[in-house]
Each structure stands twice: as C-alpha cells, then as structure tokens.
Amino acid sequence: MNKPNDKIMSALSDVSTEELVDELSKRSGVTKISVGLYQPYELKRKYHKELLADEDVYVQAKKVLVIQND
C-alpha cells in the first residue's frame, strides 16, 4: 500500500476523529463491537503493564475497532 501524500494527509486533518473512525468501521477486515457497562468485554494494555498502576491497565472505551490483518 502506498503512503498517503501530503495533500491527502492535509485533507484528513480537517476530518474529525469520530468521522474517521466511522469510515474505518465500514471497511473490510474491521469489526465494530460495542463495549460498556453491560458488555462482556475487557480491553487491557498489552505492553508495559508492570509499569502501570492496576487501574491504568484497563482501557476505557465506548467502542472498539478490531482490525484483522489478512
């Protein structure tokens, strides 16, 4: 895959994170799952957990995109 050029990157900087994530969630290889109080899902940091306080190991998120490399 080619690296995006400066013109594309400049245009993307004007797009909100919410809009970018929404667009990515529609792509093939991406699964959008809901997480929250009543969802059986935990997201933990993979690296450097031993350097973090216990409460910082878990990542808080409303939605998570799982991207699978094919």
N, C-alpha and C. Protein backbone atom coordinates (compact mmCIF):
# COMPACT_ATOMS: atom_id res chain seq x y z
N MET A 1 0.84 -1.18 0.00
CA MET A 1 0.00 0.00 0.00
C MET A 1 0.89 1.24 0.00
N ASN A 2 0.54 2.22 -0.79
CA ASN A 2 1.31 3.45 -0.88
C ASN A 2 1.08 4.34 0.32
N LYS A 3 2.10 5.09 0.69
CA LYS A 3 1.98 6.05 1.77
C LYS A 3 1.18 7.26 1.26
N PRO A 4 0.20 7.74 2.05
CA PRO A 4 -0.59 8.89 1.61
C PRO A 4 0.30 10.12 1.41
N ASN A 5 -0.02 10.89 0.39
CA ASN A 5 0.78 12.08 0.15
C ASN A 5 0.34 13.24 1.06
N ASP A 6 1.08 14.32 1.02
CA ASP A 6 0.83 15.46 1.90
C ASP A 6 -0.55 16.08 1.68
N LYS A 7 -1.02 16.08 0.43
CA LYS A 7 -2.34 16.65 0.13
C LYS A 7 -3.45 15.85 0.82
N ILE A 8 -3.35 14.54 0.75
CA ILE A 8 -4.34 13.67 1.39
C ILE A 8 -4.27 13.84 2.91
N MET A 9 -3.07 13.85 3.46
CA MET A 9 -2.92 13.99 4.91
C MET A 9 -3.45 15.34 5.39
N SER A 10 -3.25 16.38 4.61
CA SER A 10 -3.76 17.70 4.96
C SER A 10 -5.28 17.70 4.97
N ALA A 11 -5.88 17.04 3.99
CA ALA A 11 -7.35 16.97 3.93
C ALA A 11 -7.89 16.16 5.11
N LEU A 12 -7.19 15.09 5.48
CA LEU A 12 -7.64 14.27 6.60
C LEU A 12 -7.55 15.01 7.93
N SER A 13 -6.65 15.95 8.04
CA SER A 13 -6.51 16.68 9.30
C SER A 13 -7.74 17.53 9.59
N ASP A 14 -8.55 17.81 8.57
CA ASP A 14 -9.78 18.59 8.75
C ASP A 14 -10.98 17.71 9.10
N VAL A 15 -10.80 16.39 9.08
CA VAL A 15 -11.88 15.46 9.37
C VAL A 15 -11.80 15.07 10.84
N SER A 16 -12.94 15.05 11.51
CA SER A 16 -12.95 14.72 12.94
C SER A 16 -12.58 13.25 13.16
N THR A 17 -12.07 12.96 14.33
CA THR A 17 -11.72 11.60 14.69
C THR A 17 -12.94 10.70 14.61
N GLU A 18 -14.08 11.21 15.08
CA GLU A 18 -15.32 10.42 15.04
C GLU A 18 -15.68 10.03 13.61
N GLU A 19 -15.53 10.96 12.67
CA GLU A 19 -15.83 10.65 11.26
C GLU A 19 -14.84 9.64 10.69
N LEU A 20 -13.56 9.78 11.04
CA LEU A 20 -12.55 8.83 10.56
C LEU A 20 -12.81 7.43 11.08
N VAL A 21 -13.13 7.32 12.36
CA VAL A 21 -13.40 6.01 12.95
C VAL A 21 -14.66 5.40 12.34
N ASP A 22 -15.67 6.23 12.11
CA ASP A 22 -16.90 5.74 11.47
C ASP A 22 -16.59 5.19 10.08
N GLU A 23 -15.77 5.89 9.31
CA GLU A 23 -15.40 5.42 7.97
C GLU A 23 -14.60 4.12 8.06
N LEU A 24 -13.63 4.06 8.97
CA LEU A 24 -12.84 2.84 9.12
C LEU A 24 -13.70 1.65 9.51
N SER A 25 -14.73 1.90 10.31
CA SER A 25 -15.58 0.80 10.77
C SER A 25 -16.36 0.15 9.63
N LYS A 26 -16.45 0.82 8.51
CA LYS A 26 -17.19 0.30 7.35
C LYS A 26 -16.30 -0.50 6.40
N ARG A 27 -14.99 -0.50 6.65
CA ARG A 27 -14.04 -1.17 5.76
C ARG A 27 -13.99 -2.67 6.01
N SER A 28 -13.59 -3.42 4.98
CA SER A 28 -13.46 -4.86 5.15
C SER A 28 -12.29 -5.14 6.08
N GLY A 29 -12.40 -6.21 6.86
CA GLY A 29 -11.37 -6.57 7.80
C GLY A 29 -11.48 -5.86 9.14
N VAL A 30 -12.50 -5.01 9.29
CA VAL A 30 -12.70 -4.28 10.54
C VAL A 30 -14.03 -4.71 11.14
N THR A 31 -14.00 -5.07 12.40
CA THR A 31 -15.20 -5.45 13.13
C THR A 31 -15.47 -4.42 14.20
N LYS A 32 -16.67 -3.88 14.23
CA LYS A 32 -17.04 -2.88 15.22
C LYS A 32 -17.85 -3.57 16.31
N ILE A 33 -17.40 -3.45 17.56
CA ILE A 33 -18.12 -4.06 18.65
C ILE A 33 -18.46 -2.99 19.68
N SER A 34 -19.60 -3.13 20.33
CA SER A 34 -20.00 -2.21 21.38
C SER A 34 -19.44 -2.72 22.70
N VAL A 35 -18.96 -1.80 23.50
CA VAL A 35 -18.46 -2.15 24.83
C VAL A 35 -19.09 -1.19 25.82
N GLY A 36 -19.15 -1.60 27.05
CA GLY A 36 -19.70 -0.73 28.07
C GLY A 36 -20.05 -1.50 29.31
N LEU A 37 -20.88 -0.89 30.13
CA LEU A 37 -21.23 -1.44 31.42
C LEU A 37 -21.74 -2.87 31.35
N TYR A 38 -22.57 -3.17 30.38
CA TYR A 38 -23.24 -4.48 30.34
C TYR A 38 -22.70 -5.40 29.27
N GLN A 39 -21.59 -5.04 28.66
CA GLN A 39 -21.00 -5.87 27.62
C GLN A 39 -19.85 -6.69 28.21
N PRO A 40 -19.79 -7.98 27.93
CA PRO A 40 -18.72 -8.83 28.48
C PRO A 40 -17.43 -8.66 27.69
N TYR A 41 -16.75 -7.55 27.89
CA TYR A 41 -15.54 -7.28 27.12
C TYR A 41 -14.55 -6.52 27.98
N GLU A 42 -13.30 -6.93 27.95
CA GLU A 42 -12.24 -6.23 28.65
C GLU A 42 -11.15 -5.88 27.65
N LEU A 43 -10.67 -4.68 27.72
CA LEU A 43 -9.57 -4.23 26.88
C LEU A 43 -8.43 -3.85 27.81
N LYS A 44 -7.33 -4.61 27.70
CA LYS A 44 -6.18 -4.38 28.57
C LYS A 44 -4.98 -3.97 27.72
N ARG A 45 -4.13 -3.17 28.31
CA ARG A 45 -2.89 -2.80 27.64
C ARG A 45 -2.00 -4.04 27.55
N LYS A 46 -1.33 -4.20 26.43
CA LYS A 46 -0.52 -5.38 26.20
C LYS A 46 0.91 -5.20 26.72
N TYR A 47 1.45 -4.01 26.54
CA TYR A 47 2.85 -3.78 26.85
C TYR A 47 3.01 -2.90 28.09
N HIS A 48 4.06 -3.12 28.81
CA HIS A 48 4.47 -2.31 29.96
C HIS A 48 3.44 -2.28 31.07
N LYS A 49 2.65 -3.33 31.20
CA LYS A 49 1.65 -3.40 32.27
C LYS A 49 2.31 -3.32 33.64
N GLU A 50 3.52 -3.86 33.74
CA GLU A 50 4.20 -3.87 35.03
C GLU A 50 4.59 -2.47 35.50
N LEU A 51 4.62 -1.51 34.57
CA LEU A 51 4.97 -0.13 34.92
C LEU A 51 3.75 0.71 35.29
N LEU A 52 2.55 0.15 35.11
CA LEU A 52 1.32 0.91 35.33
C LEU A 52 0.66 0.53 36.64
N ALA A 53 -0.10 1.46 37.18
CA ALA A 53 -0.95 1.14 38.33
C ALA A 53 -2.06 0.22 37.84
N ASP A 54 -2.60 -0.60 38.74
CA ASP A 54 -3.63 -1.57 38.36
C ASP A 54 -4.79 -0.93 37.61
N GLU A 55 -5.23 0.25 38.03
CA GLU A 55 -6.38 0.89 37.38
C GLU A 55 -6.05 1.42 35.98
N ASP A 56 -4.77 1.55 35.65
CA ASP A 56 -4.37 2.04 34.33
C ASP A 56 -4.14 0.92 33.32
N VAL A 57 -4.20 -0.34 33.75
CA VAL A 57 -4.01 -1.46 32.84
C VAL A 57 -5.21 -1.59 31.90
N TYR A 58 -6.41 -1.33 32.42
CA TYR A 58 -7.62 -1.43 31.61
C TYR A 58 -7.84 -0.15 30.82
N VAL A 59 -8.27 -0.29 29.58
CA VAL A 59 -8.52 0.84 28.70
C VAL A 59 -10.02 1.09 28.68
N GLN A 60 -10.44 2.31 28.93
CA GLN A 60 -11.85 2.68 28.89
C GLN A 60 -12.21 3.10 27.47
N ALA A 61 -13.30 2.57 26.94
CA ALA A 61 -13.72 2.91 25.58
C ALA A 61 -15.21 2.66 25.42
N LYS A 62 -15.85 3.46 24.59
CA LYS A 62 -17.27 3.24 24.28
C LYS A 62 -17.42 2.27 23.13
N LYS A 63 -16.49 2.34 22.17
CA LYS A 63 -16.49 1.42 21.04
C LYS A 63 -15.06 1.03 20.74
N VAL A 64 -14.90 -0.13 20.17
CA VAL A 64 -13.58 -0.64 19.83
C VAL A 64 -13.63 -1.14 18.40
N LEU A 65 -12.61 -0.81 17.61
CA LEU A 65 -12.48 -1.37 16.27
C LEU A 65 -11.43 -2.45 16.32
N VAL A 66 -11.77 -3.63 15.86
CA VAL A 66 -10.82 -4.73 15.78
C VAL A 66 -10.43 -4.87 14.32
N ILE A 67 -9.16 -4.65 14.04
CA ILE A 67 -8.67 -4.70 12.66
C ILE A 67 -7.85 -5.97 12.51
N GLN A 68 -8.27 -6.80 11.56
CA GLN A 68 -7.60 -8.07 11.32
C GLN A 68 -6.74 -7.96 10.07
N ASN A 69 -5.48 -8.31 10.20
CA ASN A 69 -4.60 -8.31 9.04
C ASN A 69 -4.84 -9.58 8.24
N ASP A 70 -5.22 -9.42 7.00
CA ASP A 70 -5.46 -10.58 6.13
C ASP A 70 -4.26 -10.88 5.28
